[in-house]
Amino acid sequence: MFPIIETDRLRLREITAEDAGDVFRCFSNDHVTQHYGLASFTTVAQAQKLVASFSKNFQEKRGIRWGIERKEVKGLIGTIGFNAWSPLHKRAEIGYELHPDYWRKGYAKEAITEVLSFGFNNLALHRIGAIVFIDNEASNQLLMKLGFHKEGILKDYMYQQGKAYDTYVYAKFKE
């Protein structure tokens, strides 16, 4: 059964086929994808494929991705979750994105805080990592505020739009 997480303002829930339009709205926005490691979507079919991959990753215990929904309004404003989940090694990487209409309102911090707690307490993770483009200042600052430690730079780690980009690698450990 897919876990639902609630915060003061948000509901983090399973992403379903009905959410493909909202997923497309996020991933077709160049401001969202510029630091994501993939080209902006041009069709809803691409979003449908991504939604299916989220479901498959959860079923195979390789990842878990929640849709981020404001409690008072139906519809996703972004997604958040764990990639490269390794129950054996008690680690995963966190990833997230929000549609720009919802940037700088505290939603990302609120969602990340609860997902970190879920990872450490419910999934028994010891290490949660993050990979962030060096020029993604908002995400870099947010992770540092949330207690992540910058471990180094991964040279030419993400390849996007025909160009290689360096990224920071972060980690947070169970206290």
Protein backbone atom coordinates (compact mmCIF):
# COMPACT_ATOMS: atom_id res chain seq x y z
CA MET A 1 0.00 0.00 0.00
CA PHE A 2 1.34 3.42 -0.97
CA PRO A 3 1.98 5.66 2.06
CA ILE A 4 0.29 9.07 2.30
CA ILE A 5 2.12 11.85 4.14
CA GLU A 6 0.35 14.97 5.39
CA THR A 7 1.89 18.26 6.48
CA ASP A 8 0.18 21.44 7.61
CA ARG A 9 -0.55 22.53 4.04
CA LEU A 10 0.29 19.54 1.85
CA ARG A 11 -0.76 16.00 1.07
CA LEU A 12 1.92 13.78 -0.43
CA ARG A 13 0.19 10.94 -2.22
CA GLU A 14 0.58 8.31 -4.90
CA ILE A 15 0.86 9.64 -8.43
CA THR A 16 -1.72 8.01 -10.70
CA ALA A 17 -2.48 8.00 -14.42
CA GLU A 18 -5.03 10.78 -13.79
CA ASP A 19 -2.15 13.04 -12.73
CA ALA A 20 -0.38 12.90 -16.11
CA GLY A 21 -1.65 16.39 -17.06
CA ASP A 22 -0.26 17.95 -13.88
CA VAL A 23 3.04 16.07 -14.31
CA PHE A 24 3.20 17.34 -17.89
CA ARG A 25 2.56 20.92 -16.72
CA CYS A 26 5.63 20.66 -14.47
CA PHE A 27 7.98 18.78 -16.76
CA SER A 28 7.11 20.80 -19.87
CA ASN A 29 8.26 23.98 -18.11
CA ASP A 30 11.83 24.96 -19.03
CA HIS A 31 12.35 26.60 -15.63
CA VAL A 32 11.68 23.25 -13.94
CA THR A 33 13.76 21.07 -16.24
CA GLN A 34 16.79 23.33 -16.57
CA HIS A 35 18.25 21.76 -13.41
CA TYR A 36 16.68 18.34 -13.75
CA GLY A 37 18.86 16.45 -16.18
CA LEU A 38 16.24 15.97 -18.88
CA ALA A 39 14.72 17.95 -21.73
CA SER A 40 11.33 19.57 -21.26
CA PHE A 41 8.41 17.33 -22.20
CA THR A 42 6.58 18.11 -25.41
CA THR A 43 3.75 15.56 -25.10
CA VAL A 44 1.47 14.26 -22.36
CA ALA A 45 2.54 10.75 -23.42
CA GLN A 46 5.99 11.52 -21.96
CA ALA A 47 4.35 12.40 -18.64
CA GLN A 48 2.27 9.21 -18.77
CA LYS A 49 5.47 7.20 -19.24
CA LEU A 50 7.10 8.95 -16.27
CA VAL A 51 4.06 8.26 -14.07
CA ALA A 52 4.25 4.59 -15.06
CA SER A 53 7.96 4.50 -14.18
CA PHE A 54 7.23 5.97 -10.73
CA SER A 55 4.74 3.16 -10.12
CA LYS A 56 7.13 0.48 -11.39
CA ASN A 57 9.99 1.77 -9.23
CA PHE A 58 7.78 1.61 -6.15
CA GLN A 59 6.57 -1.92 -6.95
CA GLU A 60 10.18 -3.05 -7.44
CA LYS A 61 11.38 -1.23 -4.27
CA ARG A 62 13.83 0.90 -6.27
CA GLY A 63 12.18 4.23 -5.53
CA ILE A 64 9.15 6.00 -4.17
CA ARG A 65 7.69 9.20 -5.61
CA TRP A 66 4.86 11.20 -4.10
CA GLY A 67 2.72 13.77 -5.82
CA ILE A 68 2.70 17.07 -3.93
CA GLU A 69 -0.83 18.43 -3.57
CA ARG A 70 -2.07 21.39 -1.57
CA LYS A 71 -4.75 20.22 0.87
CA GLU A 72 -7.29 22.83 -0.15
CA VAL A 73 -6.91 22.33 -3.93
CA LYS A 74 -6.95 19.10 -5.95
CA GLY A 75 -4.09 18.71 -8.40
CA LEU A 76 -0.35 18.23 -8.19
CA ILE A 77 2.05 21.15 -7.87
CA GLY A 78 5.12 18.91 -8.10
CA THR A 79 6.62 15.61 -7.04
CA ILE A 80 9.11 14.41 -4.42
CA GLY A 81 10.66 11.13 -3.51
CA PHE A 82 13.56 8.75 -3.34
CA ASN A 83 15.55 7.42 -6.28
CA ALA A 84 18.30 4.81 -6.18
CA TRP A 85 16.67 3.35 -3.07
CA SER A 86 18.76 0.54 -1.63
CA PRO A 87 17.06 -1.09 1.38
CA LEU A 88 20.08 -3.39 1.77
CA HIS A 89 22.49 -0.47 2.14
CA LYS A 90 19.94 1.77 3.91
CA ARG A 91 20.36 4.65 1.48
CA ALA A 92 18.49 6.59 -1.17
CA GLU A 93 18.72 9.87 -3.09
CA ILE A 94 16.03 12.49 -2.69
CA GLY A 95 14.67 14.34 -5.70
CA TYR A 96 11.91 16.90 -6.08
CA GLU A 97 10.49 19.61 -8.29
CA LEU A 98 7.71 22.16 -8.04
CA HIS A 99 5.94 24.12 -10.73
CA PRO A 100 7.34 27.71 -10.67
CA ASP A 101 3.94 29.08 -9.60
CA TYR A 102 4.66 27.51 -6.19
CA TRP A 103 8.33 28.46 -5.74
CA ARG A 104 9.44 30.51 -2.72
CA LYS A 105 6.33 29.71 -0.66
CA GLY A 106 7.91 27.13 1.67
CA TYR A 107 6.26 24.13 0.00
CA ALA A 108 9.54 22.41 -0.92
CA LYS A 109 10.93 22.77 2.59
CA GLU A 110 7.69 21.46 4.09
CA ALA A 111 7.60 18.43 1.79
CA ILE A 112 11.32 17.62 2.06
CA THR A 113 11.23 17.76 5.86
CA GLU A 114 8.44 15.17 6.04
CA VAL A 115 9.93 12.92 3.36
CA LEU A 116 13.27 12.91 5.20
CA SER A 117 11.49 11.91 8.38
CA PHE A 118 9.63 9.15 6.52
CA GLY A 119 12.88 7.89 5.00
CA PHE A 120 14.75 7.72 8.28
CA ASN A 121 11.87 6.45 10.43
CA ASN A 122 9.74 4.31 8.12
CA LEU A 123 12.20 3.09 5.49
CA ALA A 124 15.07 2.68 8.00
CA LEU A 125 17.42 4.72 5.83
CA HIS A 126 20.75 5.74 7.32
CA ARG A 127 21.90 8.01 4.47
CA ILE A 128 19.87 10.24 2.18
CA GLY A 129 21.82 11.83 -0.63
CA ALA A 130 21.05 14.54 -3.15
CA ILE A 131 22.61 15.46 -6.50
CA VAL A 132 22.14 19.13 -7.45
CA PHE A 133 23.32 21.20 -10.40
CA ILE A 134 25.91 23.70 -9.14
CA ASP A 135 23.97 26.69 -10.47
CA ASN A 136 20.69 25.61 -8.84
CA GLU A 137 21.13 28.12 -6.01
CA ALA A 138 17.66 27.70 -4.49
CA SER A 139 18.02 23.93 -4.09
CA ASN A 140 21.60 24.17 -2.86
CA GLN A 141 20.63 26.69 -0.18
CA LEU A 142 17.55 24.74 0.86
CA LEU A 143 19.44 21.48 1.36
CA MET A 144 22.08 23.23 3.47
CA LYS A 145 19.30 24.79 5.62
CA LEU A 146 17.82 21.33 6.11
CA GLY A 147 21.07 19.93 7.47
CA PHE A 148 22.58 18.30 4.40
CA HIS A 149 26.38 18.28 4.15
CA LYS A 150 28.07 19.07 0.87
CA GLU A 151 30.42 16.17 0.17
CA GLY A 152 31.97 17.32 -3.09
CA ILE A 153 31.58 17.95 -6.78
CA LEU A 154 30.79 15.34 -9.39
CA LYS A 155 32.51 16.54 -12.58
CA ASP A 156 30.41 16.37 -15.78
CA TYR A 157 27.89 14.24 -13.91
CA MET A 158 24.65 15.35 -15.61
CA TYR A 159 24.32 15.57 -19.37
CA GLN A 160 21.52 17.77 -20.64
CA GLN A 161 20.76 19.47 -23.94
CA GLY A 162 24.10 18.40 -25.40
CA LYS A 163 26.22 19.71 -22.52
CA ALA A 164 27.83 18.13 -19.45
CA TYR A 165 27.26 19.77 -16.06
CA ASP A 166 29.02 19.51 -12.73
CA THR A 167 26.87 18.78 -9.69
CA TYR A 168 27.23 18.95 -5.95
CA VAL A 169 26.68 15.78 -3.99
CA TYR A 170 25.02 16.15 -0.58
CA ALA A 171 24.22 13.75 2.23
CA LYS A 172 22.19 13.75 5.41
CA PHE A 173 22.51 10.96 7.96
CA LYS A 174 20.09 9.59 10.48
CA GLU A 175 20.75 11.26 13.80
